[in-house]
């Protein structure tokens, strides 16, 4: 099961997050997302656990706990939706004459 982990302190590393979740079962992947330009953590990531039961137990026990002075938000990850690259930024590309 893929688990969303939000409100992660920006100075966090993957290993402590992995260890936190491994208390509840087998973790196959930890991915903390970084800003593509600055390389800084974006404050959220995903943990993949092998078993649905272990994952739900981790969610129930870790959600609303504190890590590095921040309260974690932990829940089942929603499927990613595709974004169009044709996003509109106002009418910047349209001429009005």
PDB file of N, CA and C in Angstrom:
ATOM      1  N   UNK A   1       0.847  -1.178   0.000  1.00  0.00           N
ATOM      2  CA  UNK A   1       0.000   0.000   0.000  1.00  0.00           C
ATOM      3  C   UNK A   1       0.888   1.235   0.000  1.00  0.00           C
ATOM      4  N   UNK A   2       0.487   2.222  -0.775  1.00  0.00           N
ATOM      5  CA  UNK A   2       1.205   3.474  -0.849  1.00  0.00           C
ATOM      6  C   UNK A   2       0.594   4.449   0.153  1.00  0.00           C
ATOM      7  N   UNK A   3       1.452   5.048   0.970  1.00  0.00           N
ATOM      8  CA  UNK A   3       1.014   5.929   2.057  1.00  0.00           C
ATOM      9  C   UNK A   3       1.566   7.332   1.831  1.00  0.00           C
ATOM     10  N   UNK A   4       0.685   8.328   1.938  1.00  0.00           N
ATOM     11  CA  UNK A   4       1.083   9.728   1.870  1.00  0.00           C
ATOM     12  C   UNK A   4       1.528  10.178   3.260  1.00  0.00           C
ATOM     13  N   UNK A   5       2.659  10.878   3.310  1.00  0.00           N
ATOM     14  CA  UNK A   5       3.156  11.431   4.569  1.00  0.00           C
ATOM     15  C   UNK A   5       3.386  12.920   4.341  1.00  0.00           C
ATOM     16  N   UNK A   6       2.618  13.746   5.037  1.00  0.00           N
ATOM     17  CA  UNK A   6       2.716  15.184   4.859  1.00  0.00           C
ATOM     18  C   UNK A   6       3.195  15.893   6.111  1.00  0.00           C
ATOM     19  N   UNK A   7       3.585  17.143   5.927  1.00  0.00           N
ATOM     20  CA  UNK A   7       4.082  18.011   6.992  1.00  0.00           C
ATOM     21  C   UNK A   7       5.410  17.503   7.559  1.00  0.00           C
ATOM     22  N   UNK A   8       6.218  16.905   6.692  1.00  0.00           N
ATOM     23  CA  UNK A   8       7.535  16.394   7.084  1.00  0.00           C
ATOM     24  C   UNK A   8       8.481  17.581   7.244  1.00  0.00           C
ATOM     25  N   UNK A   9       9.272  17.602   8.316  1.00  0.00           N
ATOM     26  CA  UNK A   9      10.250  18.686   8.463  1.00  0.00           C
ATOM     27  C   UNK A   9      11.184  18.727   7.250  1.00  0.00           C
ATOM     28  N   UNK A  10      11.504  19.903   6.795  1.00  0.00           N
ATOM     29  CA  UNK A  10      12.295  20.059   5.570  1.00  0.00           C
ATOM     30  C   UNK A  10      13.747  19.618   5.711  1.00  0.00           C
ATOM     31  N   UNK A  11      14.192  19.338   6.916  1.00  0.00           N
ATOM     32  CA  UNK A  11      15.561  18.851   7.100  1.00  0.00           C
ATOM     33  C   UNK A  11      15.596  17.332   7.298  1.00  0.00           C
ATOM     34  N   UNK A  12      14.499  16.652   7.017  1.00  0.00           N
ATOM     35  CA  UNK A  12      14.413  15.204   7.221  1.00  0.00           C
ATOM     36  C   UNK A  12      15.193  14.438   6.162  1.00  0.00           C
ATOM     37  N   UNK A  13      15.513  13.207   6.504  1.00  0.00           N
ATOM     38  CA  UNK A  13      16.146  12.273   5.584  1.00  0.00           C
ATOM     39  C   UNK A  13      15.244  11.051   5.470  1.00  0.00           C
ATOM     40  N   UNK A  14      15.463  10.232   4.452  1.00  0.00           N
ATOM     41  CA  UNK A  14      14.625   9.060   4.236  1.00  0.00           C
ATOM     42  C   UNK A  14      14.779   8.003   5.330  1.00  0.00           C
ATOM     43  N   UNK A  15      15.984   7.802   5.840  1.00  0.00           N
ATOM     44  CA  UNK A  15      16.219   6.719   6.798  1.00  0.00           C
ATOM     45  C   UNK A  15      15.377   6.836   8.072  1.00  0.00           C
ATOM     46  N   UNK A  16      15.297   7.995   8.733  1.00  0.00           N
ATOM     47  CA  UNK A  16      14.451   8.087   9.926  1.00  0.00           C
ATOM     48  C   UNK A  16      12.969   7.839   9.632  1.00  0.00           C
ATOM     49  N   UNK A  17      12.503   8.256   8.462  1.00  0.00           N
ATOM     50  CA  UNK A  17      11.116   8.008   8.077  1.00  0.00           C
ATOM     51  C   UNK A  17      10.914   6.501   7.897  1.00  0.00           C
ATOM     52  N   UNK A  18      11.862   5.849   7.228  1.00  0.00           N
ATOM     53  CA  UNK A  18      11.798   4.395   7.034  1.00  0.00           C
ATOM     54  C   UNK A  18      11.745   3.685   8.383  1.00  0.00           C
ATOM     55  N   UNK A  19      12.613   4.074   9.305  1.00  0.00           N
ATOM     56  CA  UNK A  19      12.656   3.435  10.627  1.00  0.00           C
ATOM     57  C   UNK A  19      11.352   3.628  11.387  1.00  0.00           C
ATOM     58  N   UNK A  20      10.752   4.798  11.260  1.00  0.00           N
ATOM     59  CA  UNK A  20       9.476   5.073  11.923  1.00  0.00           C
ATOM     60  C   UNK A  20       8.398   4.113  11.429  1.00  0.00           C
ATOM     61  N   UNK A  21       8.321   3.913  10.120  1.00  0.00           N
ATOM     62  CA  UNK A  21       7.303   3.035   9.552  1.00  0.00           C
ATOM     63  C   UNK A  21       7.635   1.559   9.737  1.00  0.00           C
ATOM     64  N   UNK A  22       8.913   1.223   9.790  1.00  0.00           N
ATOM     65  CA  UNK A  22       9.303  -0.181   9.978  1.00  0.00           C
ATOM     66  C   UNK A  22       8.899  -0.718  11.343  1.00  0.00           C
ATOM     67  N   UNK A  23       8.578   0.159  12.274  1.00  0.00           N
ATOM     68  CA  UNK A  23       8.064  -0.293  13.570  1.00  0.00           C
ATOM     69  C   UNK A  23       6.731  -1.022  13.396  1.00  0.00           C
ATOM     70  N   UNK A  24       6.060  -0.810  12.259  1.00  0.00           N
ATOM     71  CA  UNK A  24       4.738  -1.383  12.020  1.00  0.00           C
ATOM     72  C   UNK A  24       4.721  -2.423  10.908  1.00  0.00           C
ATOM     73  N   UNK A  25       5.863  -2.654  10.255  1.00  0.00           N
ATOM     74  CA  UNK A  25       5.908  -3.671   9.214  1.00  0.00           C
ATOM     75  C   UNK A  25       7.008  -3.421   8.204  1.00  0.00           C
ATOM     76  N   UNK A  26       6.957  -4.199   7.146  1.00  0.00           N
ATOM     77  CA  UNK A  26       7.976  -4.167   6.102  1.00  0.00           C
ATOM     78  C   UNK A  26       7.760  -2.984   5.151  1.00  0.00           C
ATOM     79  N   UNK A  27       8.801  -2.172   4.993  1.00  0.00           N
ATOM     80  CA  UNK A  27       8.759  -1.003   4.117  1.00  0.00           C
ATOM     81  C   UNK A  27       9.562  -1.320   2.859  1.00  0.00           C
ATOM     82  N   UNK A  28       8.942  -1.174   1.696  1.00  0.00           N
ATOM     83  CA  UNK A  28       9.662  -1.464   0.461  1.00  0.00           C
ATOM     84  C   UNK A  28      10.261  -0.208  -0.179  1.00  0.00           C
ATOM     85  N   UNK A  29       9.681   0.979   0.110  1.00  0.00           N
ATOM     86  CA  UNK A  29      10.214   2.203  -0.477  1.00  0.00           C
ATOM     87  C   UNK A  29       9.807   3.420   0.337  1.00  0.00           C
ATOM     88  N   UNK A  30      10.728   4.381   0.419  1.00  0.00           N
ATOM     89  CA  UNK A  30      10.449   5.696   0.999  1.00  0.00           C
ATOM     90  C   UNK A  30      10.899   6.713  -0.031  1.00  0.00           C
ATOM     91  N   UNK A  31      10.012   7.627  -0.373  1.00  0.00           N
ATOM     92  CA  UNK A  31      10.356   8.655  -1.354  1.00  0.00           C
ATOM     93  C   UNK A  31       9.916  10.006  -0.828  1.00  0.00           C
ATOM     94  N   UNK A  32      10.903  10.851  -0.511  1.00  0.00           N
ATOM     95  CA  UNK A  32      10.622  12.217  -0.082  1.00  0.00           C
ATOM     96  C   UNK A  32      10.808  13.118  -1.293  1.00  0.00           C
ATOM     97  N   UNK A  33       9.813  13.924  -1.592  1.00  0.00           N
ATOM     98  CA  UNK A  33       9.869  14.745  -2.793  1.00  0.00           C
ATOM     99  C   UNK A  33      10.641  16.035  -2.549  1.00  0.00           C
ATOM    100  N   UNK A  34      11.429  16.381  -3.548  1.00  0.00           N
ATOM    101  CA  UNK A  34      12.269  17.576  -3.483  1.00  0.00           C
ATOM    102  C   UNK A  34      11.888  18.541  -4.598  1.00  0.00           C
ATOM    103  N   UNK A  35      12.101  19.819  -4.337  1.00  0.00           N
ATOM    104  CA  UNK A  35      11.904  20.836  -5.348  1.00  0.00           C
ATOM    105  C   UNK A  35      12.934  20.628  -6.452  1.00  0.00           C
ATOM    106  N   UNK A  36      12.511  20.627  -7.687  1.00  0.00           N
ATOM    107  CA  UNK A  36      13.431  20.332  -8.785  1.00  0.00           C
ATOM    108  C   UNK A  36      14.476  21.412  -8.998  1.00  0.00           C
ATOM    109  N   UNK A  37      14.222  22.624  -8.547  1.00  0.00           N
ATOM    110  CA  UNK A  37      15.169  23.713  -8.755  1.00  0.00           C
ATOM    111  C   UNK A  37      16.098  23.926  -7.563  1.00  0.00           C
ATOM    112  N   UNK A  38      15.564  23.860  -6.352  1.00  0.00           N
ATOM    113  CA  UNK A  38      16.382  24.141  -5.167  1.00  0.00           C
ATOM    114  C   UNK A  38      16.928  22.880  -4.508  1.00  0.00           C
ATOM    115  N   UNK A  39      16.300  21.738  -4.763  1.00  0.00           N
ATOM    116  CA  UNK A  39      16.723  20.496  -4.122  1.00  0.00           C
ATOM    117  C   UNK A  39      16.217  20.349  -2.699  1.00  0.00           C
ATOM    118  N   UNK A  40      15.484  21.340  -2.195  1.00  0.00           N
ATOM    119  CA  UNK A  40      14.947  21.271  -0.831  1.00  0.00           C
ATOM    120  C   UNK A  40      13.733  20.350  -0.786  1.00  0.00           C
ATOM    121  N   UNK A  41      13.543  19.717   0.379  1.00  0.00           N
ATOM    122  CA  UNK A  41      12.361  18.887   0.555  1.00  0.00           C
ATOM    123  C   UNK A  41      11.112  19.738   0.415  1.00  0.00           C
ATOM    124  N   UNK A  42      10.081  19.160  -0.172  1.00  0.00           N
ATOM    125  CA  UNK A  42       8.823  19.875  -0.354  1.00  0.00           C
ATOM    126  C   UNK A  42       7.893  19.696   0.838  1.00  0.00           C
ATOM    127  N   UNK A  43       8.294  18.885   1.822  1.00  0.00           N
ATOM    128  CA  UNK A  43       7.484  18.726   3.031  1.00  0.00           C
ATOM    129  C   UNK A  43       6.537  17.546   2.993  1.00  0.00           C
ATOM    130  N   UNK A  44       6.642  16.719   1.951  1.00  0.00           N
ATOM    131  CA  UNK A  44       5.807  15.525   1.904  1.00  0.00           C
ATOM    132  C   UNK A  44       6.520  14.425   1.127  1.00  0.00           C
ATOM    133  N   UNK A  45       5.986  13.229   1.264  1.00  0.00           N
ATOM    134  CA  UNK A  45       6.571  12.097   0.560  1.00  0.00           C
ATOM    135  C   UNK A  45       5.637  10.902   0.625  1.00  0.00           C
ATOM    136  N   UNK A  46       6.164   9.757   0.216  1.00  0.00           N
ATOM    137  CA  UNK A  46       5.369   8.540   0.162  1.00  0.00           C
ATOM    138  C   UNK A  46       6.169   7.376   0.723  1.00  0.00           C
ATOM    139  N   UNK A  47       5.467   6.498   1.428  1.00  0.00           N
ATOM    140  CA  UNK A  47       6.052   5.278   1.961  1.00  0.00           C
ATOM    141  C   UNK A  47       5.240   4.124   1.391  1.00  0.00           C
ATOM    142  N   UNK A  48       5.919   3.129   0.863  1.00  0.00           N
ATOM    143  CA  UNK A  48       5.235   1.944   0.356  1.00  0.00           C
ATOM    144  C   UNK A  48       5.505   0.789   1.300  1.00  0.00           C
ATOM    145  N   UNK A  49       4.417   0.192   1.781  1.00  0.00           N
ATOM    146  CA  UNK A  49       4.523  -0.958   2.674  1.00  0.00           C
ATOM    147  C   UNK A  49       3.931  -2.171   1.972  1.00  0.00           C
ATOM    148  N   UNK A  50       4.500  -3.333   2.257  1.00  0.00           N
ATOM    149  CA  UNK A  50       4.116  -4.565   1.567  1.00  0.00           C
ATOM    150  C   UNK A  50       2.697  -5.024   1.899  1.00  0.00           C
ATOM    151  N   UNK A  51       2.314  -4.912   3.156  1.00  0.00           N
ATOM    152  CA  UNK A  51       1.038  -5.451   3.614  1.00  0.00           C
ATOM    153  C   UNK A  51       0.033  -4.333   3.877  1.00  0.00           C
ATOM    154  N   UNK A  52      -1.196  -4.532   3.403  1.00  0.00           N
ATOM    155  CA  UNK A  52      -2.270  -3.563   3.657  1.00  0.00           C
ATOM    156  C   UNK A  52      -2.525  -3.411   5.157  1.00  0.00           C
ATOM    157  N   UNK A  53      -2.513  -4.531   5.868  1.00  0.00           N
ATOM    158  CA  UNK A  53      -2.778  -4.501   7.319  1.00  0.00           C
ATOM    159  C   UNK A  53      -1.698  -3.731   8.061  1.00  0.00           C
ATOM    160  N   UNK A  54      -0.429  -3.984   7.710  1.00  0.00           N
ATOM    161  CA  UNK A  54       0.665  -3.264   8.357  1.00  0.00           C
ATOM    162  C   UNK A  54       0.605  -1.779   8.015  1.00  0.00           C
ATOM    163  N   UNK A  55       0.271  -1.486   6.774  1.00  0.00           N
ATOM    164  CA  UNK A  55       0.174  -0.092   6.349  1.00  0.00           C
ATOM    165  C   UNK A  55      -0.923   0.640   7.110  1.00  0.00           C
ATOM    166  N   UNK A  56      -2.072   0.011   7.243  1.00  0.00           N
ATOM    167  CA  UNK A  56      -3.172   0.651   7.967  1.00  0.00           C
ATOM    168  C   UNK A  56      -2.811   0.849   9.437  1.00  0.00           C
ATOM    169  N   UNK A  57      -2.112  -0.112  10.015  1.00  0.00           N
ATOM    170  CA  UNK A  57      -1.658   0.000  11.401  1.00  0.00           C
ATOM    171  C   UNK A  57      -0.680   1.171  11.535  1.00  0.00           C
ATOM    172  N   UNK A  58       0.222   1.324  10.573  1.00  0.00           N
ATOM    173  CA  UNK A  58       1.162   2.450  10.593  1.00  0.00           C
ATOM    174  C   UNK A  58       0.419   3.778  10.478  1.00  0.00           C
ATOM    175  N   UNK A  59      -0.546   3.835   9.567  1.00  0.00           N
ATOM    176  CA  UNK A  59      -1.334   5.065   9.405  1.00  0.00           C
ATOM    177  C   UNK A  59      -2.030   5.416  10.715  1.00  0.00           C
ATOM    178  N   UNK A  60      -2.690   4.436  11.305  1.00  0.00           N
ATOM    179  CA  UNK A  60      -3.432   4.667  12.550  1.00  0.00           C
ATOM    180  C   UNK A  60      -2.536   5.146  13.680  1.00  0.00           C
ATOM    181  N   UNK A  61      -1.292   4.657  13.720  1.00  0.00           N
ATOM    182  CA  UNK A  61      -0.398   4.977  14.832  1.00  0.00           C
ATOM    183  C   UNK A  61       0.507   6.177  14.600  1.00  0.00           C
ATOM    184  N   UNK A  62       0.795   6.503  13.340  1.00  0.00           N
ATOM    185  CA  UNK A  62       1.732   7.598  13.067  1.00  0.00           C
ATOM    186  C   UNK A  62       1.020   8.913  12.767  1.00  0.00           C
ATOM    187  N   UNK A  63      -0.190   8.851  12.197  1.00  0.00           N
ATOM    188  CA  UNK A  63      -0.918  10.074  11.887  1.00  0.00           C
ATOM    189  C   UNK A  63      -1.088  10.927  13.146  1.00  0.00           C
ATOM    190  N   UNK A  64      -0.848  12.222  13.008  1.00  0.00           N
ATOM    191  CA  UNK A  64      -0.953  13.202  14.100  1.00  0.00           C
ATOM    192  C   UNK A  64       0.103  13.044  15.183  1.00  0.00           C
ATOM    193  N   UNK A  65       1.193  12.327  14.887  1.00  0.00           N
ATOM    194  CA  UNK A  65       2.313  12.282  15.821  1.00  0.00           C
ATOM    195  C   UNK A  65       3.333  13.332  15.400  1.00  0.00           C
ATOM    196  N   UNK A  66       4.252  13.644  16.285  1.00  0.00           N
ATOM    197  CA  UNK A  66       5.213  14.698  16.025  1.00  0.00           C
ATOM    198  C   UNK A  66       6.549  14.140  15.557  1.00  0.00           C
ATOM    199  N   UNK A  67       7.127  14.817  14.577  1.00  0.00           N
ATOM    200  CA  UNK A  67       8.473  14.502  14.099  1.00  0.00           C
ATOM    201  C   UNK A  67       9.181  15.821  13.847  1.00  0.00           C
ATOM    202  N   UNK A  68      10.270  16.049  14.544  1.00  0.00           N
ATOM    203  CA  UNK A  68      11.035  17.274  14.346  1.00  0.00           C
ATOM    204  C   UNK A  68      10.244  18.533  14.592  1.00  0.00           C
ATOM    205  N   UNK A  69       9.317  18.485  15.546  1.00  0.00           N
ATOM    206  CA  UNK A  69       8.531  19.662  15.884  1.00  0.00           C
ATOM    207  C   UNK A  69       7.324  19.894  14.978  1.00  0.00           C
ATOM    208  N   UNK A  70       7.050  18.959  14.083  1.00  0.00           N
ATOM    209  CA  UNK A  70       5.904  19.103  13.175  1.00  0.00           C
ATOM    210  C   UNK A  70       4.968  17.909  13.334  1.00  0.00           C
ATOM    211  N   UNK A  71       3.684  18.147  13.216  1.00  0.00           N
ATOM    212  CA  UNK A  71       2.678  17.090  13.335  1.00  0.00           C
ATOM    213  C   UNK A  71       2.464  16.453  11.966  1.00  0.00           C
ATOM    214  N   UNK A  72       2.777  15.169  11.861  1.00  0.00           N
ATOM    215  CA  UNK A  72       2.660  14.460  10.592  1.00  0.00           C
ATOM    216  C   UNK A  72       1.214  14.213  10.203  1.00  0.00           C
ATOM    217  N   UNK A  73       0.960  14.285   8.914  1.00  0.00           N
ATOM    218  CA  UNK A  73      -0.333  13.922   8.330  1.00  0.00           C
ATOM    219  C   UNK A  73      -0.067  12.651   7.523  1.00  0.00           C
ATOM    220  N   UNK A  74      -0.698  11.551   7.921  1.00  0.00           N
ATOM    221  CA  UNK A  74      -0.426  10.260   7.293  1.00  0.00           C
ATOM    222  C   UNK A  74      -1.749   9.620   6.898  1.00  0.00           C
ATOM    223  N   UNK A  75      -1.879   9.276   5.618  1.00  0.00           N
ATOM    224  CA  UNK A  75      -3.078   8.589   5.159  1.00  0.00           C
ATOM    225  C   UNK A  75      -2.788   7.813   3.884  1.00  0.00           C
ATOM    226  N   UNK A  76      -3.746   7.009   3.472  1.00  0.00           N
ATOM    227  CA  UNK A  76      -3.595   6.229   2.249  1.00  0.00           C
ATOM    228  C   UNK A  76      -3.460   7.197   1.082  1.00  0.00           C
ATOM    229  N   UNK A  77      -2.452   6.961   0.246  1.00  0.00           N
ATOM    230  CA  UNK A  77      -2.215   7.848  -0.896  1.00  0.00           C
ATOM    231  C   UNK A  77      -3.306   7.662  -1.936  1.00  0.00           C
ATOM    232  N   UNK A  78      -3.720   8.775  -2.513  1.00  0.00           N
ATOM    233  CA  UNK A  78      -4.681   8.721  -3.613  1.00  0.00           C
ATOM    234  C   UNK A  78      -3.920   8.495  -4.911  1.00  0.00           C
ATOM    235  N   UNK A  79      -4.567   7.887  -5.887  1.00  0.00           N
ATOM    236  CA  UNK A  79      -3.899   7.691  -7.178  1.00  0.00           C
ATOM    237  C   UNK A  79      -3.529   9.028  -7.794  1.00  0.00           C
ATOM    238  N   UNK A  80      -2.393   9.061  -8.442  1.00  0.00           N
ATOM    239  CA  UNK A  80      -1.926  10.285  -9.082  1.00  0.00           C
ATOM    240  C   UNK A  80      -2.773  10.579 -10.308  1.00  0.00           C
ATOM    241  N   UNK A  81      -3.145  11.832 -10.465  1.00  0.00           N
ATOM    242  CA  UNK A  81      -3.904  12.227 -11.652  1.00  0.00           C
ATOM    243  C   UNK A  81      -2.954  12.899 -12.624  1.00  0.00           C
ATOM    244  N   UNK A  82      -3.205  12.688 -13.883  1.00  0.00           N
ATOM    245  CA  UNK A  82      -2.365  13.289 -14.914  1.00  0.00           C
ATOM    246  C   UNK A  82      -2.663  14.775 -15.025  1.00  0.00           C
ATOM    247  N   UNK A  83      -1.598  15.555 -15.135  1.00  0.00           N
ATOM    248  CA  UNK A  83      -1.742  16.989 -15.354  1.00  0.00           C
ATOM    249  C   UNK A  83      -1.420  17.294 -16.801  1.00  0.00           C
ATOM    250  N   UNK A  84      -2.141  18.193 -17.348  1.00  0.00           N
ATOM    251  CA  UNK A  84      -1.866  18.639 -18.701  1.00  0.00           C
ATOM    252  C   UNK A  84      -0.722  19.645 -18.659  1.00  0.00           C
ATOM    253  N   UNK A  85       0.160  19.586 -19.633  1.00  0.00           N
ATOM    254  CA  UNK A  85       1.229  20.582 -19.706  1.00  0.00           C
ATOM    255  C   UNK A  85       0.743  21.888 -20.319  1.00  0.00           C
ATOM    256  N   UNK A  86      -0.500  21.911 -20.755  1.00  0.00           N
ATOM    257  CA  UNK A  86      -1.072  23.096 -21.373  1.00  0.00           C
ATOM    258  C   UNK A  86      -1.824  23.928 -20.345  1.00  0.00           C
ATOM    259  N   UNK A  87      -1.194  24.155 -19.202  1.00  0.00           N
ATOM    260  CA  UNK A  87      -1.846  24.946 -18.161  1.00  0.00           C
ATOM    261  C   UNK A  87      -1.935  26.394 -18.597  1.00  0.00           C
ATOM    262  N   UNK A  88      -3.041  27.021 -18.266  1.00  0.00           N
ATOM    263  CA  UNK A  88      -3.248  28.422 -18.607  1.00  0.00           C
ATOM    264  C   UNK A  88      -2.781  29.292 -17.448  1.00  0.00           C
ATOM    265  N   UNK A  89      -2.023  30.308 -17.779  1.00  0.00           N
ATOM    266  CA  UNK A  89      -1.563  31.264 -16.779  1.00  0.00           C
ATOM    267  C   UNK A  89      -2.216  32.603 -17.073  1.00  0.00           C
ATOM    268  N   UNK A  90      -3.511  32.651 -16.807  1.00  0.00           N
ATOM    269  CA  UNK A  90      -4.251  33.843 -17.175  1.00  0.00           C
ATOM    270  C   UNK A  90      -4.400  33.849 -18.684  1.00  0.00           C
ATOM    271  N   UNK A  91      -4.444  34.993 -19.264  1.00  0.00           N
ATOM    272  CA  UNK A  91      -4.524  35.092 -20.726  1.00  0.00           C
ATOM    273  C   UNK A  91      -3.229  35.651 -21.273  1.00  0.00           C
ATOM    274  N   UNK A  92      -2.143  35.300 -20.657  1.00  0.00           N
ATOM    275  CA  UNK A  92      -0.840  35.847 -20.998  1.00  0.00           C
ATOM    276  C   UNK A  92      -0.460  35.597 -22.457  1.00  0.00           C
ATOM    277  N   UNK A  93      -0.867  34.479 -23.013  1.00  0.00           N
ATOM    278  CA  UNK A  93      -0.464  34.144 -24.376  1.00  0.00           C
ATOM    279  C   UNK A  93      -1.479  34.560 -25.432  1.00  0.00           C
ATOM    280  N   UNK A  94      -2.534  35.203 -25.011  1.00  0.00           N
ATOM    281  CA  UNK A  94      -3.550  35.620 -25.963  1.00  0.00           C
ATOM    282  C   UNK A  94      -3.427  37.119 -26.224  1.00  0.00           C
ATOM    283  N   UNK A  95      -3.528  37.457 -27.463  1.00  0.00           N
ATOM    284  CA  UNK A  95      -3.467  38.880 -27.831  1.00  0.00           C
ATOM    285  C   UNK A  95      -4.859  39.485 -27.795  1.00  0.00           C
ATOM    286  N   UNK A  96      -4.956  40.707 -27.386  1.00  0.00           N
ATOM    287  CA  UNK A  96      -6.271  41.338 -27.274  1.00  0.00           C
ATOM    288  C   UNK A  96      -6.497  42.394 -28.341  1.00  0.00           C
ATOM    289  N   UNK A  97      -5.788  42.326 -29.453  1.00  0.00           N
ATOM    290  CA  UNK A  97      -5.982  43.326 -30.506  1.00  0.00           C
ATOM    291  C   UNK A  97      -6.427  42.740 -31.762  1.00  0.00           C
TER     292      UNK A  97
END
